[in-house]
C-alpha atoms as a PDB file:
ATOM      1  CA  MET A   1      26.505  10.607 -22.889  1.00  0.00           C
ATOM      2  CA  SER A   2      23.733   7.942 -23.459  1.00  0.00           C
ATOM      3  CA  GLU A   3      20.090   8.796 -23.784  1.00  0.00           C
ATOM      4  CA  SER A   4      19.279   7.053 -20.402  1.00  0.00           C
ATOM      5  CA  SER A   5      21.985   9.046 -18.604  1.00  0.00           C
ATOM      6  CA  THR A   6      20.868  12.265 -20.196  1.00  0.00           C
ATOM      7  CA  LYS A   7      17.359  11.695 -18.961  1.00  0.00           C
ATOM      8  CA  THR A   8      18.655  10.793 -15.487  1.00  0.00           C
ATOM      9  CA  ASP A   9      20.537  14.216 -15.473  1.00  0.00           C
ATOM     10  CA  GLU A  10      17.433  16.034 -16.574  1.00  0.00           C
ATOM     11  CA  ILE A  11      15.269  14.456 -13.903  1.00  0.00           C
ATOM     12  CA  ARG A  12      17.870  15.321 -11.285  1.00  0.00           C
ATOM     13  CA  ASN A  13      18.113  18.870 -12.474  1.00  0.00           C
ATOM     14  CA  GLY A  14      14.413  19.211 -12.399  1.00  0.00           C
ATOM     15  CA  LEU A  15      14.118  18.322  -8.743  1.00  0.00           C
ATOM     16  CA  ASP A  16      13.929  20.979  -5.899  1.00  0.00           C
ATOM     17  CA  GLU A  17      16.966  20.385  -3.741  1.00  0.00           C
ATOM     18  CA  GLU A  18      15.352  21.377  -0.444  1.00  0.00           C
ATOM     19  CA  SER A  19      12.120  19.255  -1.063  1.00  0.00           C
ATOM     20  CA  LEU A  20      14.292  16.231  -2.240  1.00  0.00           C
ATOM     21  CA  ASP A  21      16.279  16.471   0.935  1.00  0.00           C
ATOM     22  CA  LEU A  22      13.229  16.659   2.995  1.00  0.00           C
ATOM     23  CA  PHE A  23      11.714  13.553   1.200  1.00  0.00           C
ATOM     24  CA  TRP A  24      14.687  11.396   2.139  1.00  0.00           C
ATOM     25  CA  GLN A  25      14.909  12.787   5.653  1.00  0.00           C
ATOM     26  CA  PHE A  26      11.135  12.109   6.127  1.00  0.00           C
ATOM     27  CA  ILE A  27      11.237   8.540   4.977  1.00  0.00           C
ATOM     28  CA  GLY A  28      14.431   7.841   6.891  1.00  0.00           C
ATOM     29  CA  GLU A  29      12.995   9.128  10.188  1.00  0.00           C
ATOM     30  CA  ARG A  30       9.687   7.355   9.630  1.00  0.00           C
ATOM     31  CA  GLN A  31      11.591   4.035   9.171  1.00  0.00           C
ATOM     32  CA  LYS A  32      13.666   4.758  12.253  1.00  0.00           C
ATOM     33  CA  VAL A  33      10.383   5.188  14.208  1.00  0.00           C
ATOM     34  CA  TRP A  34       9.470   1.787  13.215  1.00  0.00           C
ATOM     35  CA  TYR A  35      12.852   0.247  13.915  1.00  0.00           C
ATOM     36  CA  ARG A  36      13.029   1.964  17.383  1.00  0.00           C
ATOM     37  CA  ARG A  37       9.574   0.824  18.316  1.00  0.00           C
ATOM     38  CA  VAL A  38       9.617  -2.749  16.981  1.00  0.00           C
ATOM     39  CA  VAL A  39      13.138  -3.935  16.591  1.00  0.00           C
ATOM     40  CA  GLU A  40      14.795  -2.136  19.680  1.00  0.00           C
ATOM     41  CA  GLY A  41      11.490  -2.198  21.659  1.00  0.00           C
ATOM     42  CA  ARG A  42      11.919   1.329  22.910  1.00  0.00           C
ATOM     43  CA  PRO A  43       9.100   3.127  24.735  1.00  0.00           C
ATOM     44  CA  ALA A  44       7.421   6.119  23.074  1.00  0.00           C
ATOM     45  CA  PRO A  45       8.267   8.623  21.976  1.00  0.00           C
ATOM     46  CA  TRP A  46      10.339   7.088  19.044  1.00  0.00           C
ATOM     47  CA  THR A  47      11.314  10.312  17.439  1.00  0.00           C
ATOM     48  CA  GLY A  48      11.959  13.967  18.258  1.00  0.00           C
ATOM     49  CA  ASP A  49       9.956  15.020  15.073  1.00  0.00           C
ATOM     50  CA  GLU A  50       6.818  16.582  16.377  1.00  0.00           C
ATOM     51  CA  ILE A  51       4.848  15.867  13.240  1.00  0.00           C
ATOM     52  CA  LEU A  52       5.720  12.202  13.308  1.00  0.00           C
ATOM     53  CA  GLN A  53       4.859  12.083  17.045  1.00  0.00           C
ATOM     54  CA  GLU A  54       1.378  13.726  16.517  1.00  0.00           C
ATOM     55  CA  TYR A  55       0.137  12.381  13.109  1.00  0.00           C
ATOM     56  CA  ARG A  56      -0.201   8.870  11.655  1.00  0.00           C
ATOM     57  CA  PHE A  57       1.800   7.955   8.642  1.00  0.00           C
ATOM     58  CA  THR A  58       1.960   4.516   7.070  1.00  0.00           C
ATOM     59  CA  ASN A  59       5.129   2.492   7.128  1.00  0.00           C
ATOM     60  CA  VAL A  60       7.859   3.261   4.633  1.00  0.00           C
ATOM     61  CA  TYR A  61       7.654  -0.472   3.650  1.00  0.00           C
ATOM     62  CA  ARG A  62       4.006  -1.068   2.713  1.00  0.00           C
ATOM     63  CA  GLU A  63       4.419  -4.825   3.727  1.00  0.00           C
ATOM     64  CA  LEU A  64       5.013  -3.820   7.307  1.00  0.00           C
ATOM     65  CA  ASP A  65       1.463  -2.442   7.681  1.00  0.00           C
ATOM     66  CA  PRO A  66      -0.861  -4.911   9.530  1.00  0.00           C
ATOM     67  CA  GLY A  67      -3.485  -4.624   6.865  1.00  0.00           C
ATOM     68  CA  THR A  68      -1.083  -5.680   4.164  1.00  0.00           C
ATOM     69  CA  GLN A  69       0.152  -8.457   6.417  1.00  0.00           C
ATOM     70  CA  TYR A  70      -3.381  -9.617   6.772  1.00  0.00           C
ATOM     71  CA  VAL A  71      -3.743  -9.780   3.009  1.00  0.00           C
ATOM     72  CA  ILE A  72      -0.470 -11.772   2.772  1.00  0.00           C
ATOM     73  CA  GLN A  73      -0.967 -14.096   5.538  1.00  0.00           C
ATOM     74  CA  ASP A  74      -4.852 -14.549   5.524  1.00  0.00           C
ATOM     75  CA  ILE A  75      -5.757 -14.209   1.849  1.00  0.00           C
ATOM     76  CA  LEU A  76      -2.683 -15.034  -0.298  1.00  0.00           C
ATOM     77  CA  GLU A  77      -1.638 -17.979   1.837  1.00  0.00           C
ATOM     78  CA  GLU A  78      -5.138 -19.453   1.684  1.00  0.00           C
ATOM     79  CA  ASP A  79      -5.523 -22.818   0.015  1.00  0.00           C
ATOM     80  CA  ALA A  80      -7.668 -21.501  -2.875  1.00  0.00           C
ATOM     81  CA  SER A  81      -7.426 -20.685  -6.504  1.00  0.00           C
ATOM     82  CA  ARG A  82      -5.654 -17.542  -7.759  1.00  0.00           C
ATOM     83  CA  ARG A  83      -9.072 -16.225  -9.062  1.00  0.00           C
ATOM     84  CA  ASP A  84     -10.518 -16.426  -5.545  1.00  0.00           C
ATOM     85  CA  LYS A  85      -7.480 -14.696  -3.964  1.00  0.00           C
ATOM     86  CA  ILE A  86      -7.881 -11.854  -6.564  1.00  0.00           C
ATOM     87  CA  PHE A  87     -11.511 -11.563  -5.682  1.00  0.00           C
ATOM     88  CA  ASN A  88     -10.896 -11.478  -1.908  1.00  0.00           C
ATOM     89  CA  VAL A  89      -8.184  -8.841  -2.234  1.00  0.00           C
ATOM     90  CA  MET A  90     -10.674  -6.722  -4.154  1.00  0.00           C
ATOM     91  CA  ILE A  91     -13.250  -7.185  -1.468  1.00  0.00           C
ATOM     92  CA  TYR A  92     -10.690  -6.484   1.309  1.00  0.00           C
ATOM     93  CA  ARG A  93      -9.293  -3.253  -0.241  1.00  0.00           C
ATOM     94  CA  LEU A  94     -12.705  -1.817  -1.141  1.00  0.00           C
ATOM     95  CA  ILE A  95     -13.946  -2.429   2.440  1.00  0.00           C
ATOM     96  CA  GLY A  96     -10.634  -1.626   3.940  1.00  0.00           C
ATOM     97  CA  ARG A  97     -11.065  -3.104   7.346  1.00  0.00           C
ATOM     98  CA  LEU A  98      -9.517  -6.510   8.046  1.00  0.00           C
ATOM     99  CA  GLU A  99     -12.009  -7.207  10.974  1.00  0.00           C
ATOM    100  CA  THR A 100     -14.851  -7.021   8.461  1.00  0.00           C
ATOM    101  CA  HIS A 101     -13.171  -9.399   6.069  1.00  0.00           C
ATOM    102  CA  GLU A 102     -12.400 -11.738   8.869  1.00  0.00           C
ATOM    103  CA  TYR A 103     -15.992 -11.618   9.868  1.00  0.00           C
ATOM    104  CA  LEU A 104     -17.176 -12.366   6.281  1.00  0.00           C
ATOM    105  CA  GLY A 105     -14.649 -15.107   5.729  1.00  0.00           C
ATOM    106  CA  PHE A 106     -12.804 -16.086   2.664  1.00  0.00           C
ATOM    107  CA  GLN A 107     -15.197 -15.744  -0.341  1.00  0.00           C
ATOM    108  CA  SER A 108     -15.431 -18.037  -3.257  1.00  0.00           C
ATOM    109  CA  LEU A 109     -15.999 -16.387  -6.653  1.00  0.00           C
ATOM    110  CA  ASP A 110     -18.147 -19.217  -8.089  1.00  0.00           C
ATOM    111  CA  SER A 111     -20.462 -19.455  -5.083  1.00  0.00           C
ATOM    112  CA  PHE A 112     -20.600 -15.733  -4.052  1.00  0.00           C
ATOM    113  CA  ASP A 113     -24.149 -14.877  -2.809  1.00  0.00           C
ATOM    114  CA  ALA A 114     -24.623 -11.060  -2.909  1.00  0.00           C
ATOM    115  CA  ALA A 115     -27.729 -11.251  -0.678  1.00  0.00           C
ATOM    116  CA  GLU A 116     -25.947 -13.241   2.028  1.00  0.00           C
ATOM    117  CA  PHE A 117     -22.937 -10.893   1.732  1.00  0.00           C
ATOM    118  CA  GLU A 118     -25.182  -7.851   2.177  1.00  0.00           C
ATOM    119  CA  GLU A 119     -26.975  -9.580   5.198  1.00  0.00           C
ATOM    120  CA  GLN A 120     -23.640 -10.318   6.883  1.00  0.00           C
ATOM    121  CA  LEU A 121     -22.511  -6.702   6.461  1.00  0.00           C
ATOM    122  CA  LYS A 122     -25.677  -5.217   7.862  1.00  0.00           C
ATOM    123  CA  HIS A 123     -25.662  -7.665  10.856  1.00  0.00           C
ATOM    124  CA  ARG A 124     -22.178  -6.536  11.721  1.00  0.00           C
ATOM    125  CA  ARG A 125     -23.137  -2.892  11.395  1.00  0.00           C
ATOM    126  CA  ASP A 126     -26.698  -2.847  12.706  1.00  0.00           C
ATOM    127  CA  GLU A 127     -26.795  -5.663  15.294  1.00  0.00           C
ATOM    128  CA  LEU A 128     -23.248  -5.859  16.468  1.00  0.00           C
ATOM    129  CA  GLY A 129     -22.633  -2.142  16.195  1.00  0.00           C
ATOM    130  CA  GLU A 130     -19.334  -2.669  14.584  1.00  0.00           C
ATOM    131  CA  THR A 131     -17.710  -0.325  11.998  1.00  0.00           C
ATOM    132  CA  VAL A 132     -17.703  -2.014   8.640  1.00  0.00           C
ATOM    133  CA  PHE A 133     -15.651   0.308   6.353  1.00  0.00           C
ATOM    134  CA  THR A 134     -12.341   1.968   6.768  1.00  0.00           C
ATOM    135  CA  GLY A 135     -11.998   5.599   7.523  1.00  0.00           C
ATOM    136  CA  ALA A 136      -8.440   5.715   6.162  1.00  0.00           C
ATOM    137  CA  TYR A 137      -9.435   6.926   2.593  1.00  0.00           C
ATOM    138  CA  MET A 138     -12.322   7.938   0.748  1.00  0.00           C
ATOM    139  CA  VAL A 139     -13.923   5.294  -1.456  1.00  0.00           C
ATOM    140  CA  SER A 140     -16.929   6.449  -3.524  1.00  0.00           C
ATOM    141  CA  GLY A 141     -17.003   4.266  -6.636  1.00  0.00           C
ATOM    142  CA  TYR A 142     -19.913   2.340  -5.273  1.00  0.00           C
ATOM    143  CA  ASN A 143     -22.298   5.372  -5.171  1.00  0.00           C
ATOM    144  CA  GLN A 144     -23.347   4.742  -8.678  1.00  0.00           C
ATOM    145  CA  MET A 145     -25.020   1.508  -7.700  1.00  0.00           C
ATOM    146  CA  GLY A 146     -28.269   3.373  -6.742  1.00  0.00           C
ATOM    147  CA  SER A 147     -28.838   2.981  -3.004  1.00  0.00           C
ATOM    148  CA  SER A 148     -28.318   5.510  -0.141  1.00  0.00           C
ATOM    149  CA  ASP A 149     -27.149   2.502   1.911  1.00  0.00           C
ATOM    150  CA  LYS A 150     -23.388   1.912   1.488  1.00  0.00           C
ATOM    151  CA  VAL A 151     -23.586  -1.672   2.355  1.00  0.00           C
ATOM    152  CA  GLU A 152     -26.373  -2.241  -0.243  1.00  0.00           C
ATOM    153  CA  ASN A 153     -24.189  -0.498  -2.874  1.00  0.00           C
ATOM    154  CA  VAL A 154     -21.113  -2.613  -2.225  1.00  0.00           C
ATOM    155  CA  ALA A 155     -23.113  -5.844  -2.270  1.00  0.00           C
ATOM    156  CA  ALA A 156     -24.601  -4.714  -5.646  1.00  0.00           C
ATOM    157  CA  LEU A 157     -21.132  -3.739  -6.877  1.00  0.00           C
ATOM    158  CA  PHE A 158     -19.736  -7.320  -6.195  1.00  0.00           C
ATOM    159  CA  GLU A 159     -22.815  -8.994  -7.537  1.00  0.00           C
ATOM    160  CA  GLU A 160     -22.142  -7.142 -10.802  1.00  0.00           C
ATOM    161  CA  ILE A 161     -18.454  -8.077 -10.698  1.00  0.00           C
ATOM    162  CA  THR A 162     -19.226 -11.748 -10.201  1.00  0.00           C
ATOM    163  CA  ASP A 163     -21.849 -11.790 -12.975  1.00  0.00           C
ATOM    164  CA  GLU A 164     -18.884 -11.932 -15.435  1.00  0.00           C
ATOM    165  CA  THR A 165     -15.954 -13.830 -14.084  1.00  0.00           C
ATOM    166  CA  THR A 166     -13.863 -14.082 -17.269  1.00  0.00           C
ATOM    167  CA  SER A 167     -12.219 -10.821 -16.303  1.00  0.00           C
ATOM    168  CA  PHE A 168     -10.420 -12.837 -13.536  1.00  0.00           C
ATOM    169  CA  ASP A 169      -9.043 -15.278 -16.066  1.00  0.00           C
ATOM    170  CA  ASN A 170      -8.089 -12.308 -18.249  1.00  0.00           C
ATOM    171  CA  ILE A 171      -6.131 -10.849 -15.301  1.00  0.00           C
ATOM    172  CA  LEU A 172      -4.248 -14.050 -14.779  1.00  0.00           C
ATOM    173  CA  SER A 173      -3.361 -14.425 -18.529  1.00  0.00           C
ATOM    174  CA  THR A 174      -2.215 -10.712 -19.108  1.00  0.00           C
ATOM    175  CA  ARG A 175       1.455 -10.167 -19.914  1.00  0.00           C
ATOM    176  CA  SER A 176       2.158  -6.985 -17.949  1.00  0.00           C
ATOM    177  CA  MET A 177       1.591  -5.504 -14.627  1.00  0.00           C
ATOM    178  CA  LYS A 178      -0.006  -2.496 -16.194  1.00  0.00           C
ATOM    179  CA  GLY A 179      -2.342  -4.691 -18.265  1.00  0.00           C
ATOM    180  CA  ALA A 180      -3.506  -6.508 -15.099  1.00  0.00           C
ATOM    181  CA  TYR A 181      -4.065  -3.094 -13.433  1.00  0.00           C
ATOM    182  CA  ASP A 182      -6.111  -1.900 -16.408  1.00  0.00           C
ATOM    183  CA  LEU A 183      -8.378  -4.976 -16.095  1.00  0.00           C
ATOM    184  CA  ILE A 184      -8.922  -4.399 -12.337  1.00  0.00           C
ATOM    185  CA  ARG A 185      -9.473  -0.639 -13.150  1.00  0.00           C
ATOM    186  CA  SER A 186     -12.262  -1.610 -15.505  1.00  0.00           C
ATOM    187  CA  GLN A 187     -14.306  -3.231 -12.829  1.00  0.00           C
ATOM    188  CA  PRO A 188     -17.133  -1.120 -11.192  1.00  0.00           C
ATOM    189  CA  GLY A 189     -16.087   0.725  -8.120  1.00  0.00           C
ATOM    190  CA  PHE A 190     -12.281   0.377  -8.709  1.00  0.00           C
ATOM    191  CA  GLY A 191     -10.614   3.620  -9.411  1.00  0.00           C
ATOM    192  CA  ASN A 192      -6.857   4.385  -9.887  1.00  0.00           C
ATOM    193  CA  PHE A 193      -6.043   4.261  -6.234  1.00  0.00           C
ATOM    194  CA  LEU A 194      -7.790   1.059  -5.270  1.00  0.00           C
ATOM    195  CA  SER A 195      -6.770  -0.860  -8.426  1.00  0.00           C
ATOM    196  CA  TYR A 196      -3.081  -0.047  -7.831  1.00  0.00           C
ATOM    197  CA  GLN A 197      -3.395  -1.197  -4.129  1.00  0.00           C
ATOM    198  CA  VAL A 198      -5.050  -4.579  -5.426  1.00  0.00           C
ATOM    199  CA  ILE A 199      -2.337  -5.187  -8.053  1.00  0.00           C
ATOM    200  CA  VAL A 200       0.549  -4.475  -5.556  1.00  0.00           C
ATOM    201  CA  ASP A 201      -0.996  -6.945  -3.001  1.00  0.00           C
ATOM    202  CA  LEU A 202      -1.052  -9.690  -5.709  1.00  0.00           C
ATOM    203  CA  LEU A 203       2.692  -9.391  -6.310  1.00  0.00           C
ATOM    204  CA  TYR A 204       3.891 -10.299  -2.838  1.00  0.00           C
ATOM    205  CA  PRO A 205       5.818 -13.509  -2.617  1.00  0.00           C
ATOM    206  CA  VAL A 206       4.240 -16.172  -0.334  1.00  0.00           C
ATOM    207  CA  ASP A 207       5.016 -19.551   1.063  1.00  0.00           C
ATOM    208  CA  TYR A 208       2.010 -21.110  -0.803  1.00  0.00           C
ATOM    209  CA  TYR A 209       3.660 -20.572  -4.174  1.00  0.00           C
ATOM    210  CA  ASP A 210       7.225 -21.401  -2.812  1.00  0.00           C
ATOM    211  CA  GLY A 211       8.219 -17.705  -2.835  1.00  0.00           C
ATOM    212  CA  GLY A 212       6.234 -16.907  -5.933  1.00  0.00           C
ATOM    213  CA  SER A 213       3.162 -14.582  -6.228  1.00  0.00           C
ATOM    214  CA  VAL A 214      -0.424 -14.739  -7.496  1.00  0.00           C
ATOM    215  CA  LEU A 215       0.703 -12.623 -10.576  1.00  0.00           C
ATOM    216  CA  PRO A 216       4.120 -13.078 -12.118  1.00  0.00           C
ATOM    217  CA  PHE A 217       5.287  -9.495 -11.993  1.00  0.00           C
ATOM    218  CA  SER A 218       7.531  -7.339  -9.856  1.00  0.00           C
ATOM    219  CA  PRO A 219       6.499  -4.226  -7.952  1.00  0.00           C
ATOM    220  CA  ASP A 220       9.417  -2.448  -9.705  1.00  0.00           C
ATOM    221  CA  ASP A 221       7.790  -3.195 -13.092  1.00  0.00           C
ATOM    222  CA  TRP A 222       5.461  -0.221 -13.216  1.00  0.00           C
ATOM    223  CA  SER A 223       3.518   2.137 -10.917  1.00  0.00           C
ATOM    224  CA  SER A 224       0.389   4.279 -11.116  1.00  0.00           C
ATOM    225  CA  PRO A 225       0.795   7.385  -8.845  1.00  0.00           C
ATOM    226  CA  GLY A 226      -2.370   8.003  -6.854  1.00  0.00           C
ATOM    227  CA  PRO A 227      -3.631  11.510  -6.070  1.00  0.00           C
ATOM    228  CA  GLY A 228      -1.447  11.770  -3.017  1.00  0.00           C
ATOM    229  CA  ALA A 229       1.571  10.597  -4.706  1.00  0.00           C
ATOM    230  CA  GLN A 230       1.015  12.986  -7.540  1.00  0.00           C
ATOM    231  CA  LYS A 231       0.863  15.825  -5.015  1.00  0.00           C
ATOM    232  CA  GLY A 232       4.007  14.594  -3.434  1.00  0.00           C
ATOM    233  CA  LEU A 233       5.795  14.590  -6.888  1.00  0.00           C
ATOM    234  CA  ASN A 234       4.525  18.221  -7.432  1.00  0.00           C
ATOM    235  CA  GLN A 235       6.497  19.185  -4.213  1.00  0.00           C
ATOM    236  CA  LEU A 236       9.676  17.638  -5.567  1.00  0.00           C
ATOM    237  CA  VAL A 237       9.640  18.542  -9.247  1.00  0.00           C
ATOM    238  CA  THR A 238      10.239  22.131 -10.342  1.00  0.00           C
ATOM    239  CA  GLU A 239       9.469  21.357 -13.963  1.00  0.00           C
ATOM    240  CA  PHE A 240       8.468  18.330 -15.907  1.00  0.00           C
ATOM    241  CA  ASN A 241      10.674  18.840 -18.995  1.00  0.00           C
ATOM    242  CA  GLY A 242      10.713  15.896 -21.174  1.00  0.00           C
ATOM    243  CA  PHE A 243      10.026  13.261 -18.530  1.00  0.00           C
ATOM    244  CA  THR A 244       7.006  11.843 -16.705  1.00  0.00           C
ATOM    245  CA  ARG A 245       5.941  11.260 -13.086  1.00  0.00           C
ATOM    246  CA  LEU A 246       6.879   7.560 -13.600  1.00  0.00           C
ATOM    247  CA  ASP A 247      10.322   8.559 -14.538  1.00  0.00           C
ATOM    248  CA  VAL A 248      10.830  10.639 -11.426  1.00  0.00           C
ATOM    249  CA  MET A 249       9.597   7.626  -9.292  1.00  0.00           C
ATOM    250  CA  ARG A 250      12.013   5.251 -11.116  1.00  0.00           C
ATOM    251  CA  TRP A 251      14.811   7.691 -10.418  1.00  0.00           C
ATOM    252  CA  LEU A 252      13.900   7.774  -6.734  1.00  0.00           C
ATOM    253  CA  ARG A 253      13.777   4.017  -6.640  1.00  0.00           C
ATOM    254  CA  GLN A 254      17.209   3.599  -8.407  1.00  0.00           C
ATOM    255  CA  ASN A 255      19.080   6.201  -6.460  1.00  0.00           C
ATOM    256  CA  GLN A 256      17.743   5.851  -3.020  1.00  0.00           C
ATOM    257  CA  GLN A 257      21.101   4.600  -1.474  1.00  0.00           C
ATOM    258  CA  LYS A 258      23.109   7.199  -3.246  1.00  0.00           C
ATOM    259  CA  GLU A 259      20.744   9.828  -1.838  1.00  0.00           C
ATOM    260  CA  PHE A 260      20.990   8.414   1.710  1.00  0.00           C
ATOM    261  CA  ASP A 261      24.696   8.353   1.408  1.00  0.00           C
ATOM    262  CA  ARG A 262      24.709  12.115   0.130  1.00  0.00           C
ATOM    263  CA  LEU A 263      22.813  13.187   3.151  1.00  0.00           C
ATOM    264  CA  ASP A 264      24.649  10.995   5.550  1.00  0.00           C
ATOM    265  CA  LEU A 265      21.488   9.248   6.517  1.00  0.00           C
ATOM    266  CA  GLU A 266      21.480   5.733   8.149  1.00  0.00           C
ATOM    267  CA  PHE A 267      18.491   3.932   6.769  1.00  0.00           C
ATOM    268  CA  PRO A 268      17.297   0.675   8.651  1.00  0.00           C
ATOM    269  CA  TYR A 269      16.611  -1.396   5.663  1.00  0.00           C
ATOM    270  CA  LEU A 270      14.806  -4.686   5.849  1.00  0.00           C
ATOM    271  CA  GLU A 271      16.942  -7.635   4.798  1.00  0.00           C
ATOM    272  CA  THR A 272      16.802 -10.020   1.779  1.00  0.00           C
ATOM    273  CA  GLU A 273      16.871 -13.755   2.349  1.00  0.00           C
ATOM    274  CA  ASP A 274      20.633 -13.714   1.971  1.00  0.00           C
ATOM    275  CA  GLY A 275      21.123 -10.962   4.477  1.00  0.00           C
ATOM    276  CA  GLY A 276      21.432  -8.159   2.031  1.00  0.00           C
ATOM    277  CA  ARG A 277      19.570  -4.807   2.153  1.00  0.00           C
ATOM    278  CA  LEU A 278      16.056  -4.957   0.751  1.00  0.00           C
ATOM    279  CA  GLU A 279      15.713  -1.594  -0.980  1.00  0.00           C
ATOM    280  CA  LEU A 280      12.469   0.302  -1.306  1.00  0.00           C
ATOM    281  CA  SER A 281      10.529  -1.010  -4.301  1.00  0.00           C
ATOM    282  CA  LEU A 282       8.831   1.282  -6.841  1.00  0.00           C
ATOM    283  CA  ALA A 283       5.587   0.485  -5.099  1.00  0.00           C
ATOM    284  CA  ASN A 284       6.922   1.671  -1.813  1.00  0.00           C
ATOM    285  CA  ILE A 285       8.310   4.781  -3.283  1.00  0.00           C
ATOM    286  CA  GLN A 286       4.782   5.530  -4.618  1.00  0.00           C
ATOM    287  CA  ASN A 287       3.347   5.172  -1.165  1.00  0.00           C
ATOM    288  CA  CYS A 288       6.207   7.225   0.410  1.00  0.00           C
ATOM    289  CA  LEU A 289       5.339  10.056  -1.944  1.00  0.00           C
ATOM    290  CA  CYS A 290       1.818  10.089  -0.777  1.00  0.00           C
ATOM    291  CA  GLU A 291       2.883  10.203   2.942  1.00  0.00           C
ATOM    292  CA  PHE A 292       5.482  12.830   2.108  1.00  0.00           C
ATOM    293  CA  TYR A 293       2.773  15.100   0.738  1.00  0.00           C
ATOM    294  CA  LYS A 294       0.920  14.830   4.007  1.00  0.00           C
ATOM    295  CA  TYR A 295       4.057  15.602   6.027  1.00  0.00           C
ATOM    296  CA  HIS A 296       5.083  18.473   3.729  1.00  0.00           C
ATOM    297  CA  LYS A 297       1.650  20.303   3.987  1.00  0.00           C
ATOM    298  CA  ILE A 298       1.630  19.958   7.778  1.00  0.00           C
ATOM    299  CA  LEU A 299       5.305  21.298   7.976  1.00  0.00           C
ATOM    300  CA  HIS A 300       4.467  24.187   5.851  1.00  0.00           C
ATOM    301  CA  SER A 301       1.048  24.831   7.660  1.00  0.00           C
ATOM    302  CA  ASN A 302      -0.929  24.127   4.522  1.00  0.00           C
ATOM    303  CA  GLY A 303      -3.281  21.616   6.193  1.00  0.00           C
ATOM    304  CA  ARG A 304      -3.517  18.804   8.628  1.00  0.00           C
ATOM    305  CA  ALA A 305      -3.503  15.108   8.326  1.00  0.00           C
ATOM    306  CA  ARG A 306      -6.842  13.309   8.698  1.00  0.00           C
ATOM    307  CA  ARG A 307      -5.636  10.892  11.197  1.00  0.00           C
ATOM    308  CA  CYS A 308      -3.563  11.545  14.439  1.00  0.00           C
ATOM    309  CA  PHE A 309      -1.391   8.900  16.032  1.00  0.00           C
ATOM    310  CA  ARG A 310      -2.890   7.384  19.166  1.00  0.00           C
ATOM    311  CA  ASN A 311      -0.379   5.050  20.874  1.00  0.00           C
ATOM    312  CA  ASP A 312      -3.110   3.588  23.223  1.00  0.00           C
ATOM    313  CA  GLU A 313      -5.057   2.524  20.027  1.00  0.00           C
ATOM    314  CA  ALA A 314      -2.028   1.088  18.223  1.00  0.00           C
ATOM    315  CA  ARG A 315      -0.823  -2.400  18.352  1.00  0.00           C
ATOM    316  CA  SER A 316       1.624  -3.297  20.988  1.00  0.00           C
ATOM    317  CA  CYS A 317       5.248  -4.020  20.236  1.00  0.00           C
ATOM    318  CA  ASP A 318       4.720  -7.742  21.016  1.00  0.00           C
ATOM    319  CA  GLU A 319       1.728  -7.971  18.685  1.00  0.00           C
ATOM    320  CA  LEU A 320       3.745  -6.356  15.890  1.00  0.00           C
ATOM    321  CA  ARG A 321       6.767  -8.721  16.651  1.00  0.00           C
ATOM    322  CA  ASP A 322       4.423 -11.808  16.566  1.00  0.00           C
ATOM    323  CA  MET A 323       2.925 -10.689  13.304  1.00  0.00           C
ATOM    324  CA  TYR A 324       6.340 -10.145  11.603  1.00  0.00           C
ATOM    325  CA  GLU A 325       7.866 -13.355  12.890  1.00  0.00           C
ATOM    326  CA  THR A 326       5.149 -15.285  10.975  1.00  0.00           C
ATOM    327  CA  ALA A 327       5.291 -13.150   7.882  1.00  0.00           C
ATOM    328  CA  PRO A 328       6.531 -15.148   4.823  1.00  0.00           C
ATOM    329  CA  LEU A 329       9.759 -14.118   3.332  1.00  0.00           C
ATOM    330  CA  ILE A 330      10.299 -10.987   5.419  1.00  0.00           C
ATOM    331  CA  ARG A 331      13.551 -10.671   7.290  1.00  0.00           C
ATOM    332  CA  LEU A 332      13.978  -7.996   9.909  1.00  0.00           C
ATOM    333  CA  PRO A 333      17.454  -6.378  10.730  1.00  0.00           C
ATOM    334  CA  ASN A 334      18.737  -7.620  14.081  1.00  0.00           C
ATOM    335  CA  SER A 335      16.078 -10.312  14.102  1.00  0.00           C
ATOM    336  CA  PHE A 336      14.441 -10.983  17.473  1.00  0.00           C
END
């Protein structure tokens, strides 16, 4: 038996069978919720799973989330330099609210004015009464900037980042996905979670580059499991015996169809350009592990999710369809 197959067997033997089954069942049902809602156009509820009915979970495919589509369609497709696209993705992901980035407009790295940036954010918050930052996840890397005002801290953070722009050239010249991640991670305010979100955004294929991406890597090259994904992995793995978290994530990536077949689960994959199934990438597996952890703790009464699903606050089926129909290089099953 080869070394690789030996490791594969060790990983599989190190997984808790019940938790592994639940992982695939969870992501299968979550994807079916999306399919029933968007592709089939059914009215709610889209599942009999009470947890999925009550709480908000991100899409199994990260690229189906409206926030990610905003990055793809309104930042990556912009007629601008790769440096500026990296910079705007960093701004968007740290702020986390697409309406705020829309209000600010696409930013130029070379002409960025921190004072004007701060003034715009304060005007939106104080004069217009709009929420500036996301409530989806905790971001605290800007606290070190010295102010008690979050807007002032974020403006100071990006002023520091733009004081030395050679890092953006270094990101573009690095030879690996992890190398680019490490360079983003070295910027003030960007921890493990945000840095990985930024790097994955920069790998999406867009029409602007004729199907290429800002950085020449694949989301299957490497992954950095964030805190939630690590907790999800801890639910799956009984013992890390000679393998790493990344090894387990790669195993899940490589064996997804076998696992769906084993459990007799029909998974509504997106399609590739030639009509084949678009399997979940390593980046999507990482995201699914984080969502699985939330699902698992609710199921076992170990806590609650921070966000409930509110259908009256969600985008309509027609809005989602319009967004997906204009999405570059995304094909939906049973297209509209």
